[in-house]
Amino acid sequence: MAAPKSNRKEDDKQDQLSPGNLSFEHNCASPYKEEFSKFLKTVPEKLLWEELATQQQRNLAKSLWEASNYGGKPKPGQFKDMEPKRDYLEWVLRMDHNRQWQEALKKRYAESTINS
């Protein structure tokens, strides 16, 4: 049995961003998430802390690191067990990258609905 043919015309706007395409409340991760993570791994740590991250991002990463590593005051014997601060900064940068991506998608959607 053949499927019925649609009388609907092809719509040029069919591929536009619409609420059905995205879930803003859930994870709208950047399609470049893996590439961005790989990029961060290649950047020297000094460059990450001094050039790439904002003061706010540095402060958040440091606070998270301190909270995860006994308030930032570990006993001398525990230094080898501490996670690197870099891991926290990379995480903060990835989360901020994702936030910026979500904002760009929302803006694009808002502009497309205004122009429709």
PDB file of N, CA and C in Angstrom:
ATOM      1  N   MET A   1       0.833  -1.169   0.000  1.00  0.00           N
ATOM      2  CA  MET A   1       0.000   0.000   0.000  1.00  0.00           C
ATOM      3  C   MET A   1       0.882   1.237   0.000  1.00  0.00           C
ATOM      4  N   ALA A   2       0.651   2.137  -0.909  1.00  0.00           N
ATOM      5  CA  ALA A   2       1.463   3.343  -1.050  1.00  0.00           C
ATOM      6  C   ALA A   2       1.030   4.401  -0.047  1.00  0.00           C
ATOM      7  N   ALA A   3       2.002   5.160   0.397  1.00  0.00           N
ATOM      8  CA  ALA A   3       1.703   6.254   1.333  1.00  0.00           C
ATOM      9  C   ALA A   3       1.029   7.384   0.574  1.00  0.00           C
ATOM     10  N   PRO A   4       0.067   8.050   1.202  1.00  0.00           N
ATOM     11  CA  PRO A   4      -0.618   9.141   0.515  1.00  0.00           C
ATOM     12  C   PRO A   4       0.342  10.306   0.253  1.00  0.00           C
ATOM     13  N   LYS A   5       0.174  10.945  -0.877  1.00  0.00           N
ATOM     14  CA  LYS A   5       1.004  12.091  -1.224  1.00  0.00           C
ATOM     15  C   LYS A   5       0.451  13.327  -0.535  1.00  0.00           C
ATOM     16  N   SER A   6       1.370  14.152  -0.122  1.00  0.00           N
ATOM     17  CA  SER A   6       0.976  15.384   0.560  1.00  0.00           C
ATOM     18  C   SER A   6       0.756  16.479  -0.467  1.00  0.00           C
ATOM     19  N   ASN A   7      -0.284  17.263  -0.280  1.00  0.00           N
ATOM     20  CA  ASN A   7      -0.545  18.407  -1.141  1.00  0.00           C
ATOM     21  C   ASN A   7       0.185  19.653  -0.655  1.00  0.00           C
ATOM     22  N   ARG A   8       0.878  19.522   0.447  1.00  0.00           N
ATOM     23  CA  ARG A   8       1.574  20.659   1.033  1.00  0.00           C
ATOM     24  C   ARG A   8       2.765  21.049   0.171  1.00  0.00           C
ATOM     25  N   LYS A   9       2.919  22.363  -0.048  1.00  0.00           N
ATOM     26  CA  LYS A   9       4.055  22.864  -0.815  1.00  0.00           C
ATOM     27  C   LYS A   9       5.287  22.893   0.085  1.00  0.00           C
ATOM     28  N   GLU A  10       6.422  22.781  -0.556  1.00  0.00           N
ATOM     29  CA  GLU A  10       7.669  22.904   0.201  1.00  0.00           C
ATOM     30  C   GLU A  10       7.774  24.328   0.728  1.00  0.00           C
ATOM     31  N   ASP A  11       8.043  24.431   1.976  1.00  0.00           N
ATOM     32  CA  ASP A  11       8.128  25.736   2.628  1.00  0.00           C
ATOM     33  C   ASP A  11       9.597  26.099   2.815  1.00  0.00           C
ATOM     34  N   ASP A  12       9.983  27.277   2.318  1.00  0.00           N
ATOM     35  CA  ASP A  12      11.372  27.723   2.452  1.00  0.00           C
ATOM     36  C   ASP A  12      11.772  27.902   3.905  1.00  0.00           C
ATOM     37  N   LYS A  13      10.810  28.202   4.752  1.00  0.00           N
ATOM     38  CA  LYS A  13      11.116  28.457   6.151  1.00  0.00           C
ATOM     39  C   LYS A  13      11.048  27.177   6.996  1.00  0.00           C
ATOM     40  N   GLN A  14      10.883  26.069   6.352  1.00  0.00           N
ATOM     41  CA  GLN A  14      10.705  24.804   7.049  1.00  0.00           C
ATOM     42  C   GLN A  14      11.904  24.458   7.934  1.00  0.00           C
ATOM     43  N   ASP A  15      13.099  24.832   7.524  1.00  0.00           N
ATOM     44  CA  ASP A  15      14.294  24.484   8.275  1.00  0.00           C
ATOM     45  C   ASP A  15      14.673  25.520   9.326  1.00  0.00           C
ATOM     46  N   GLN A  16      13.855  26.547   9.499  1.00  0.00           N
ATOM     47  CA  GLN A  16      14.170  27.567  10.487  1.00  0.00           C
ATOM     48  C   GLN A  16      14.078  27.002  11.898  1.00  0.00           C
ATOM     49  N   LEU A  17      14.798  27.651  12.778  1.00  0.00           N
ATOM     50  CA  LEU A  17      14.779  27.285  14.178  1.00  0.00           C
ATOM     51  C   LEU A  17      13.388  27.540  14.747  1.00  0.00           C
ATOM     52  N   SER A  18      12.850  26.565  15.434  1.00  0.00           N
ATOM     53  CA  SER A  18      11.529  26.725  16.036  1.00  0.00           C
ATOM     54  C   SER A  18      11.539  26.081  17.413  1.00  0.00           C
ATOM     55  N   PRO A  19      10.537  26.379  18.232  1.00  0.00           N
ATOM     56  CA  PRO A  19      10.518  25.807  19.584  1.00  0.00           C
ATOM     57  C   PRO A  19      10.606  24.289  19.584  1.00  0.00           C
ATOM     58  N   GLY A  20      10.086  23.654  18.575  1.00  0.00           N
ATOM     59  CA  GLY A  20      10.158  22.206  18.507  1.00  0.00           C
ATOM     60  C   GLY A  20      11.561  21.688  18.273  1.00  0.00           C
ATOM     61  N   ASN A  21      12.425  22.527  17.718  1.00  0.00           N
ATOM     62  CA  ASN A  21      13.793  22.109  17.450  1.00  0.00           C
ATOM     63  C   ASN A  21      14.660  22.128  18.702  1.00  0.00           C
ATOM     64  N   LEU A  22      14.282  22.928  19.681  1.00  0.00           N
ATOM     65  CA  LEU A  22      15.136  23.128  20.848  1.00  0.00           C
ATOM     66  C   LEU A  22      14.366  22.967  22.131  1.00  0.00           C
ATOM     67  N   SER A  23      15.085  22.621  23.141  1.00  0.00           N
ATOM     68  CA  SER A  23      14.526  22.620  24.483  1.00  0.00           C
ATOM     69  C   SER A  23      15.430  23.526  25.303  1.00  0.00           C
ATOM     70  N   PHE A  24      15.012  24.771  25.484  1.00  0.00           N
ATOM     71  CA  PHE A  24      15.862  25.735  26.164  1.00  0.00           C
ATOM     72  C   PHE A  24      16.045  25.383  27.634  1.00  0.00           C
ATOM     73  N   GLU A  25      15.086  24.688  28.212  1.00  0.00           N
ATOM     74  CA  GLU A  25      15.203  24.333  29.614  1.00  0.00           C
ATOM     75  C   GLU A  25      16.193  23.192  29.804  1.00  0.00           C
ATOM     76  N   HIS A  26      16.410  22.418  28.776  1.00  0.00           N
ATOM     77  CA  HIS A  26      17.313  21.281  28.873  1.00  0.00           C
ATOM     78  C   HIS A  26      18.636  21.648  28.216  1.00  0.00           C
ATOM     79  N   ASN A  27      19.441  20.680  27.990  1.00  0.00           N
ATOM     80  CA  ASN A  27      20.789  20.933  27.493  1.00  0.00           C
ATOM     81  C   ASN A  27      20.802  21.188  25.988  1.00  0.00           C
ATOM     82  N   CYS A  28      21.019  22.429  25.598  1.00  0.00           N
ATOM     83  CA  CYS A  28      21.207  22.799  24.196  1.00  0.00           C
ATOM     84  C   CYS A  28      22.695  22.992  23.995  1.00  0.00           C
ATOM     85  N   ALA A  29      23.409  21.923  24.041  1.00  0.00           N
ATOM     86  CA  ALA A  29      24.862  22.006  23.989  1.00  0.00           C
ATOM     87  C   ALA A  29      25.323  22.441  22.605  1.00  0.00           C
ATOM     88  N   SER A  30      26.420  23.114  22.609  1.00  0.00           N
ATOM     89  CA  SER A  30      27.036  23.541  21.366  1.00  0.00           C
ATOM     90  C   SER A  30      27.415  22.317  20.539  1.00  0.00           C
ATOM     91  N   PRO A  31      27.224  22.386  19.230  1.00  0.00           N
ATOM     92  CA  PRO A  31      27.676  21.270  18.403  1.00  0.00           C
ATOM     93  C   PRO A  31      29.203  21.186  18.366  1.00  0.00           C
ATOM     94  N   TYR A  32      29.855  22.202  18.884  1.00  0.00           N
ATOM     95  CA  TYR A  32      31.315  22.250  18.904  1.00  0.00           C
ATOM     96  C   TYR A  32      31.859  21.917  20.287  1.00  0.00           C
ATOM     97  N   LYS A  33      31.052  21.275  21.095  1.00  0.00           N
ATOM     98  CA  LYS A  33      31.420  20.967  22.480  1.00  0.00           C
ATOM     99  C   LYS A  33      32.713  20.154  22.548  1.00  0.00           C
ATOM    100  N   GLU A  34      32.807  19.120  21.766  1.00  0.00           N
ATOM    101  CA  GLU A  34      34.008  18.272  21.776  1.00  0.00           C
ATOM    102  C   GLU A  34      35.234  19.035  21.291  1.00  0.00           C
ATOM    103  N   GLU A  35      35.057  19.808  20.223  1.00  0.00           N
ATOM    104  CA  GLU A  35      36.173  20.576  19.686  1.00  0.00           C
ATOM    105  C   GLU A  35      36.667  21.610  20.692  1.00  0.00           C
ATOM    106  N   PHE A  36      35.720  22.256  21.386  1.00  0.00           N
ATOM    107  CA  PHE A  36      36.093  23.266  22.379  1.00  0.00           C
ATOM    108  C   PHE A  36      36.844  22.614  23.536  1.00  0.00           C
ATOM    109  N   SER A  37      36.391  21.461  23.973  1.00  0.00           N
ATOM    110  CA  SER A  37      37.079  20.739  25.055  1.00  0.00           C
ATOM    111  C   SER A  37      38.494  20.352  24.636  1.00  0.00           C
ATOM    112  N   LYS A  38      38.624  19.866  23.408  1.00  0.00           N
ATOM    113  CA  LYS A  38      39.955  19.501  22.908  1.00  0.00           C
ATOM    114  C   LYS A  38      40.858  20.729  22.813  1.00  0.00           C
ATOM    115  N   PHE A  39      40.279  21.837  22.369  1.00  0.00           N
ATOM    116  CA  PHE A  39      41.037  23.085  22.279  1.00  0.00           C
ATOM    117  C   PHE A  39      41.554  23.505  23.652  1.00  0.00           C
ATOM    118  N   LEU A  40      40.690  23.451  24.662  1.00  0.00           N
ATOM    119  CA  LEU A  40      41.098  23.854  26.007  1.00  0.00           C
ATOM    120  C   LEU A  40      42.256  23.005  26.522  1.00  0.00           C
ATOM    121  N   LYS A  41      42.255  21.732  26.179  1.00  0.00           N
ATOM    122  CA  LYS A  41      43.339  20.837  26.615  1.00  0.00           C
ATOM    123  C   LYS A  41      44.683  21.227  25.993  1.00  0.00           C
ATOM    124  N   THR A  42      44.648  21.865  24.831  1.00  0.00           N
ATOM    125  CA  THR A  42      45.900  22.219  24.145  1.00  0.00           C
ATOM    126  C   THR A  42      46.456  23.582  24.561  1.00  0.00           C
ATOM    127  N   VAL A  43      45.635  24.392  25.214  1.00  0.00           N
ATOM    128  CA  VAL A  43      46.061  25.738  25.594  1.00  0.00           C
ATOM    129  C   VAL A  43      46.933  25.660  26.850  1.00  0.00           C
ATOM    130  N   PRO A  44      48.081  26.313  26.850  1.00  0.00           N
ATOM    131  CA  PRO A  44      48.914  26.318  28.056  1.00  0.00           C
ATOM    132  C   PRO A  44      48.154  26.885  29.252  1.00  0.00           C
ATOM    133  N   GLU A  45      48.414  26.326  30.419  1.00  0.00           N
ATOM    134  CA  GLU A  45      47.671  26.717  31.618  1.00  0.00           C
ATOM    135  C   GLU A  45      47.800  28.205  31.927  1.00  0.00           C
ATOM    136  N   LYS A  46      48.981  28.747  31.764  1.00  0.00           N
ATOM    137  CA  LYS A  46      49.173  30.175  32.036  1.00  0.00           C
ATOM    138  C   LYS A  46      48.285  31.024  31.130  1.00  0.00           C
ATOM    139  N   LEU A  47      48.176  30.643  29.880  1.00  0.00           N
ATOM    140  CA  LEU A  47      47.331  31.370  28.927  1.00  0.00           C
ATOM    141  C   LEU A  47      45.855  31.249  29.306  1.00  0.00           C
ATOM    142  N   LEU A  48      45.448  30.055  29.754  1.00  0.00           N
ATOM    143  CA  LEU A  48      44.062  29.867  30.191  1.00  0.00           C
ATOM    144  C   LEU A  48      43.719  30.822  31.331  1.00  0.00           C
ATOM    145  N   TRP A  49      44.565  30.855  32.332  1.00  0.00           N
ATOM    146  CA  TRP A  49      44.289  31.652  33.529  1.00  0.00           C
ATOM    147  C   TRP A  49      44.432  33.145  33.272  1.00  0.00           C
ATOM    148  N   GLU A  50      45.424  33.553  32.490  1.00  0.00           N
ATOM    149  CA  GLU A  50      45.722  34.975  32.362  1.00  0.00           C
ATOM    150  C   GLU A  50      45.051  35.659  31.171  1.00  0.00           C
ATOM    151  N   GLU A  51      44.782  34.931  30.112  1.00  0.00           N
ATOM    152  CA  GLU A  51      44.264  35.563  28.895  1.00  0.00           C
ATOM    153  C   GLU A  51      42.852  35.120  28.507  1.00  0.00           C
ATOM    154  N   LEU A  52      42.602  33.831  28.592  1.00  0.00           N
ATOM    155  CA  LEU A  52      41.338  33.308  28.084  1.00  0.00           C
ATOM    156  C   LEU A  52      40.179  33.486  29.068  1.00  0.00           C
ATOM    157  N   ALA A  53      40.449  33.284  30.348  1.00  0.00           N
ATOM    158  CA  ALA A  53      39.387  33.358  31.351  1.00  0.00           C
ATOM    159  C   ALA A  53      39.214  34.787  31.861  1.00  0.00           C
ATOM    160  N   THR A  54      37.975  35.138  32.139  1.00  0.00           N
ATOM    161  CA  THR A  54      37.696  36.434  32.764  1.00  0.00           C
ATOM    162  C   THR A  54      37.966  36.316  34.261  1.00  0.00           C
ATOM    163  N   GLN A  55      38.002  37.445  34.934  1.00  0.00           N
ATOM    164  CA  GLN A  55      38.217  37.426  36.388  1.00  0.00           C
ATOM    165  C   GLN A  55      37.106  36.638  37.083  1.00  0.00           C
ATOM    166  N   GLN A  56      35.896  36.817  36.622  1.00  0.00           N
ATOM    167  CA  GLN A  56      34.761  36.095  37.202  1.00  0.00           C
ATOM    168  C   GLN A  56      34.922  34.583  37.016  1.00  0.00           C
ATOM    169  N   GLN A  57      35.350  34.164  35.839  1.00  0.00           N
ATOM    170  CA  GLN A  57      35.551  32.742  35.578  1.00  0.00           C
ATOM    171  C   GLN A  57      36.686  32.189  36.436  1.00  0.00           C
ATOM    172  N   ARG A  58      37.759  32.957  36.567  1.00  0.00           N
ATOM    173  CA  ARG A  58      38.879  32.523  37.410  1.00  0.00           C
ATOM    174  C   ARG A  58      38.427  32.376  38.864  1.00  0.00           C
ATOM    175  N   ASN A  59      37.664  33.351  39.344  1.00  0.00           N
ATOM    176  CA  ASN A  59      37.194  33.291  40.731  1.00  0.00           C
ATOM    177  C   ASN A  59      36.279  32.095  40.967  1.00  0.00           C
ATOM    178  N   LEU A  60      35.388  31.826  40.034  1.00  0.00           N
ATOM    179  CA  LEU A  60      34.491  30.687  40.168  1.00  0.00           C
ATOM    180  C   LEU A  60      35.274  29.382  40.168  1.00  0.00           C
ATOM    181  N   ALA A  61      36.202  29.240  39.236  1.00  0.00           N
ATOM    182  CA  ALA A  61      37.006  28.016  39.164  1.00  0.00           C
ATOM    183  C   ALA A  61      37.802  27.818  40.454  1.00  0.00           C
ATOM    184  N   LYS A  62      38.390  28.883  40.952  1.00  0.00           N
ATOM    185  CA  LYS A  62      39.174  28.789  42.196  1.00  0.00           C
ATOM    186  C   LYS A  62      38.266  28.412  43.367  1.00  0.00           C
ATOM    187  N   SER A  63      37.089  29.024  43.449  1.00  0.00           N
ATOM    188  CA  SER A  63      36.155  28.717  44.539  1.00  0.00           C
ATOM    189  C   SER A  63      35.699  27.263  44.491  1.00  0.00           C
ATOM    190  N   LEU A  64      35.395  26.785  43.293  1.00  0.00           N
ATOM    191  CA  LEU A  64      34.983  25.382  43.139  1.00  0.00           C
ATOM    192  C   LEU A  64      36.114  24.439  43.526  1.00  0.00           C
ATOM    193  N   TRP A  65      37.318  24.779  43.096  1.00  0.00           N
ATOM    194  CA  TRP A  65      38.486  23.964  43.422  1.00  0.00           C
ATOM    195  C   TRP A  65      38.698  23.926  44.936  1.00  0.00           C
ATOM    196  N   GLU A  66      38.612  25.097  45.576  1.00  0.00           N
ATOM    197  CA  GLU A  66      38.804  25.162  47.023  1.00  0.00           C
ATOM    198  C   GLU A  66      37.723  24.361  47.757  1.00  0.00           C
ATOM    199  N   ALA A  67      36.497  24.482  47.302  1.00  0.00           N
ATOM    200  CA  ALA A  67      35.407  23.747  47.942  1.00  0.00           C
ATOM    201  C   ALA A  67      35.590  22.239  47.797  1.00  0.00           C
ATOM    202  N   SER A  68      36.116  21.820  46.667  1.00  0.00           N
ATOM    203  CA  SER A  68      36.320  20.393  46.424  1.00  0.00           C
ATOM    204  C   SER A  68      37.580  19.864  47.090  1.00  0.00           C
ATOM    205  N   ASN A  69      38.481  20.745  47.442  1.00  0.00           N
ATOM    206  CA  ASN A  69      39.758  20.331  48.027  1.00  0.00           C
ATOM    207  C   ASN A  69      39.898  20.869  49.445  1.00  0.00           C
ATOM    208  N   TYR A  70      38.887  20.598  50.257  1.00  0.00           N
ATOM    209  CA  TYR A  70      38.920  20.905  51.683  1.00  0.00           C
ATOM    210  C   TYR A  70      39.093  22.386  51.969  1.00  0.00           C
ATOM    211  N   GLY A  71      38.316  23.201  51.304  1.00  0.00           N
ATOM    212  CA  GLY A  71      38.335  24.625  51.587  1.00  0.00           C
ATOM    213  C   GLY A  71      39.618  25.314  51.188  1.00  0.00           C
ATOM    214  N   GLY A  72      40.425  24.685  50.353  1.00  0.00           N
ATOM    215  CA  GLY A  72      41.662  25.310  49.897  1.00  0.00           C
ATOM    216  C   GLY A  72      42.781  25.227  50.911  1.00  0.00           C
ATOM    217  N   LYS A  73      42.563  24.511  52.024  1.00  0.00           N
ATOM    218  CA  LYS A  73      43.598  24.419  53.054  1.00  0.00           C
ATOM    219  C   LYS A  73      43.899  22.950  53.366  1.00  0.00           C
ATOM    220  N   PRO A  74      44.379  22.215  52.393  1.00  0.00           N
ATOM    221  CA  PRO A  74      44.682  20.806  52.649  1.00  0.00           C
ATOM    222  C   PRO A  74      45.953  20.680  53.491  1.00  0.00           C
ATOM    223  N   LYS A  75      46.050  19.555  54.136  1.00  0.00           N
ATOM    224  CA  LYS A  75      47.265  19.258  54.890  1.00  0.00           C
ATOM    225  C   LYS A  75      48.379  18.984  53.886  1.00  0.00           C
ATOM    226  N   PRO A  76      49.627  19.281  54.240  1.00  0.00           N
ATOM    227  CA  PRO A  76      50.737  19.097  53.280  1.00  0.00           C
ATOM    228  C   PRO A  76      50.786  17.716  52.643  1.00  0.00           C
ATOM    229  N   GLY A  77      50.440  16.666  53.355  1.00  0.00           N
ATOM    230  CA  GLY A  77      50.486  15.318  52.796  1.00  0.00           C
ATOM    231  C   GLY A  77      49.400  15.053  51.766  1.00  0.00           C
ATOM    232  N   GLN A  78      48.398  15.909  51.667  1.00  0.00           N
ATOM    233  CA  GLN A  78      47.270  15.681  50.762  1.00  0.00           C
ATOM    234  C   GLN A  78      47.433  16.382  49.412  1.00  0.00           C
ATOM    235  N   PHE A  79      48.494  17.127  49.219  1.00  0.00           N
ATOM    236  CA  PHE A  79      48.661  17.862  47.954  1.00  0.00           C
ATOM    237  C   PHE A  79      48.667  16.931  46.752  1.00  0.00           C
ATOM    238  N   LYS A  80      49.226  15.753  46.886  1.00  0.00           N
ATOM    239  CA  LYS A  80      49.282  14.827  45.753  1.00  0.00           C
ATOM    240  C   LYS A  80      47.907  14.303  45.359  1.00  0.00           C
ATOM    241  N   ASP A  81      46.959  14.335  46.287  1.00  0.00           N
ATOM    242  CA  ASP A  81      45.614  13.837  46.008  1.00  0.00           C
ATOM    243  C   ASP A  81      44.664  14.908  45.495  1.00  0.00           C
ATOM    244  N   MET A  82      45.125  16.138  45.440  1.00  0.00           N
ATOM    245  CA  MET A  82      44.250  17.236  45.012  1.00  0.00           C
ATOM    246  C   MET A  82      44.096  17.243  43.501  1.00  0.00           C
ATOM    247  N   GLU A  83      42.901  17.619  43.058  1.00  0.00           N
ATOM    248  CA  GLU A  83      42.661  17.748  41.625  1.00  0.00           C
ATOM    249  C   GLU A  83      43.287  19.056  41.136  1.00  0.00           C
ATOM    250  N   PRO A  84      43.760  19.088  39.907  1.00  0.00           N
ATOM    251  CA  PRO A  84      44.370  20.319  39.380  1.00  0.00           C
ATOM    252  C   PRO A  84      43.346  21.444  39.235  1.00  0.00           C
ATOM    253  N   LYS A  85      43.762  22.650  39.536  1.00  0.00           N
ATOM    254  CA  LYS A  85      42.883  23.811  39.365  1.00  0.00           C
ATOM    255  C   LYS A  85      42.475  23.957  37.910  1.00  0.00           C
ATOM    256  N   ARG A  86      43.353  23.566  37.012  1.00  0.00           N
ATOM    257  CA  ARG A  86      43.075  23.680  35.577  1.00  0.00           C
ATOM    258  C   ARG A  86      41.779  22.962  35.208  1.00  0.00           C
ATOM    259  N   ASP A  87      41.544  21.789  35.802  1.00  0.00           N
ATOM    260  CA  ASP A  87      40.323  21.032  35.498  1.00  0.00           C
ATOM    261  C   ASP A  87      39.079  21.851  35.800  1.00  0.00           C
ATOM    262  N   TYR A  88      39.121  22.595  36.890  1.00  0.00           N
ATOM    263  CA  TYR A  88      37.976  23.420  37.271  1.00  0.00           C
ATOM    264  C   TYR A  88      37.806  24.614  36.336  1.00  0.00           C
ATOM    265  N   LEU A  89      38.918  25.195  35.923  1.00  0.00           N
ATOM    266  CA  LEU A  89      38.822  26.314  34.993  1.00  0.00           C
ATOM    267  C   LEU A  89      38.298  25.845  33.640  1.00  0.00           C
ATOM    268  N   GLU A  90      38.770  24.709  33.176  1.00  0.00           N
ATOM    269  CA  GLU A  90      38.258  24.164  31.911  1.00  0.00           C
ATOM    270  C   GLU A  90      36.758  23.907  32.014  1.00  0.00           C
ATOM    271  N   TRP A  91      36.311  23.362  33.147  1.00  0.00           N
ATOM    272  CA  TRP A  91      34.888  23.103  33.333  1.00  0.00           C
ATOM    273  C   TRP A  91      34.092  24.406  33.278  1.00  0.00           C
ATOM    274  N   VAL A  92      34.576  25.440  33.979  1.00  0.00           N
ATOM    275  CA  VAL A  92      33.894  26.735  33.980  1.00  0.00           C
ATOM    276  C   VAL A  92      33.842  27.307  32.564  1.00  0.00           C
ATOM    277  N   LEU A  93      34.932  27.216  31.822  1.00  0.00           N
ATOM    278  CA  LEU A  93      34.964  27.738  30.449  1.00  0.00           C
ATOM    279  C   LEU A  93      34.011  26.964  29.543  1.00  0.00           C
ATOM    280  N   ARG A  94      33.928  25.646  29.725  1.00  0.00           N
ATOM    281  CA  ARG A  94      32.993  24.850  28.917  1.00  0.00           C
ATOM    282  C   ARG A  94      31.544  25.218  29.239  1.00  0.00           C
ATOM    283  N   MET A  95      31.243  25.413  30.511  1.00  0.00           N
ATOM    284  CA  MET A  95      29.883  25.791  30.900  1.00  0.00           C
ATOM    285  C   MET A  95      29.530  27.180  30.358  1.00  0.00           C
ATOM    286  N   ASP A  96      30.475  28.081  30.386  1.00  0.00           N
ATOM    287  CA  ASP A  96      30.224  29.422  29.866  1.00  0.00           C
ATOM    288  C   ASP A  96      30.054  29.384  28.346  1.00  0.00           C
ATOM    289  N   HIS A  97      30.844  28.560  27.683  1.00  0.00           N
ATOM    290  CA  HIS A  97      30.719  28.380  26.232  1.00  0.00           C
ATOM    291  C   HIS A  97      29.318  27.866  25.899  1.00  0.00           C
ATOM    292  N   ASN A  98      28.835  26.910  26.673  1.00  0.00           N
ATOM    293  CA  ASN A  98      27.503  26.359  26.458  1.00  0.00           C
ATOM    294  C   ASN A  98      26.432  27.418  26.709  1.00  0.00           C
ATOM    295  N   ARG A  99      26.609  28.216  27.757  1.00  0.00           N
ATOM    296  CA  ARG A  99      25.656  29.289  28.062  1.00  0.00           C
ATOM    297  C   ARG A  99      25.595  30.290  26.909  1.00  0.00           C
ATOM    298  N   GLN A 100      26.763  30.656  26.376  1.00  0.00           N
ATOM    299  CA  GLN A 100      26.797  31.594  25.253  1.00  0.00           C
ATOM    300  C   GLN A 100      26.115  30.999  24.030  1.00  0.00           C
ATOM    301  N   TRP A 101      26.289  29.715  23.816  1.00  0.00           N
ATOM    302  CA  TRP A 101      25.653  29.039  22.686  1.00  0.00           C
ATOM    303  C   TRP A 101      24.131  29.071  22.844  1.00  0.00           C
ATOM    304  N   GLN A 102      23.645  28.795  24.049  1.00  0.00           N
ATOM    305  CA  GLN A 102      22.207  28.825  24.300  1.00  0.00           C
ATOM    306  C   GLN A 102      21.643  30.223  24.063  1.00  0.00           C
ATOM    307  N   GLU A 103      22.351  31.240  24.523  1.00  0.00           N
ATOM    308  CA  GLU A 103      21.896  32.618  24.310  1.00  0.00           C
ATOM    309  C   GLU A 103      21.839  32.955  22.823  1.00  0.00           C
ATOM    310  N   ALA A 104      22.831  32.497  22.070  1.00  0.00           N
ATOM    311  CA  ALA A 104      22.843  32.757  20.630  1.00  0.00           C
ATOM    312  C   ALA A 104      21.662  32.070  19.946  1.00  0.00           C
ATOM    313  N   LEU A 105      21.352  30.850  20.351  1.00  0.00           N
ATOM    314  CA  LEU A 105      20.213  30.138  19.770  1.00  0.00           C
ATOM    315  C   LEU A 105      18.902  30.837  20.100  1.00  0.00           C
ATOM    316  N   LYS A 106      18.754  31.281  21.336  1.00  0.00           N
ATOM    317  CA  LYS A 106      17.536  31.994  21.728  1.00  0.00           C
ATOM    318  C   LYS A 106      17.388  33.280  20.931  1.00  0.00           C
ATOM    319  N   LYS A 107      18.495  33.987  20.758  1.00  0.00           N
ATOM    320  CA  LYS A 107      18.462  35.238  19.993  1.00  0.00           C
ATOM    321  C   LYS A 107      18.088  34.957  18.539  1.00  0.00           C
ATOM    322  N   ARG A 108      18.674  33.920  17.987  1.00  0.00           N
ATOM    323  CA  ARG A 108      18.371  33.548  16.596  1.00  0.00           C
ATOM    324  C   ARG A 108      16.894  33.189  16.450  1.00  0.00           C
ATOM    325  N   TYR A 109      16.366  32.436  17.416  1.00  0.00           N
ATOM    326  CA  TYR A 109      14.960  32.070  17.371  1.00  0.00           C
ATOM    327  C   TYR A 109      14.074  33.301  17.485  1.00  0.00           C
ATOM    328  N   ALA A 110      14.412  34.196  18.399  1.00  0.00           N
ATOM    329  CA  ALA A 110      13.616  35.405  18.596  1.00  0.00           C
ATOM    330  C   ALA A 110      13.612  36.249  17.321  1.00  0.00           C
ATOM    331  N   GLU A 111      14.759  36.386  16.677  1.00  0.00           N
ATOM    332  CA  GLU A 111      14.840  37.162  15.445  1.00  0.00           C
ATOM    333  C   GLU A 111      14.054  36.512  14.313  1.00  0.00           C
ATOM    334  N   SER A 112      14.066  35.181  14.265  1.00  0.00           N
ATOM    335  CA  SER A 112      13.352  34.490  13.182  1.00  0.00           C
ATOM    336  C   SER A 112      11.843  34.614  13.361  1.00  0.00           C
ATOM    337  N   THR A 113      11.361  34.647  14.607  1.00  0.00           N
ATOM    338  CA  THR A 113       9.927  34.787  14.813  1.00  0.00           C
ATOM    339  C   THR A 113       9.460  36.206  14.541  1.00  0.00           C
ATOM    340  N   ILE A 114      10.326  37.167  14.781  1.00  0.00           N
ATOM    341  CA  ILE A 114       9.983  38.577  14.490  1.00  0.00           C
ATOM    342  C   ILE A 114       9.913  38.778  12.984  1.00  0.00           C
ATOM    343  N   ASN A 115      10.833  38.165  12.252  1.00  0.00           N
ATOM    344  CA  ASN A 115      10.888  38.353  10.790  1.00  0.00           C
ATOM    345  C   ASN A 115       9.891  37.486  10.040  1.00  0.00           C
ATOM    346  N   SER A 116       9.213  36.604  10.723  1.00  0.00           N
ATOM    347  CA  SER A 116       8.256  35.708  10.037  1.00  0.00           C
ATOM    348  C   SER A 116       6.947  36.383   9.768  1.00  0.00           C
TER     349      SER A 116
END
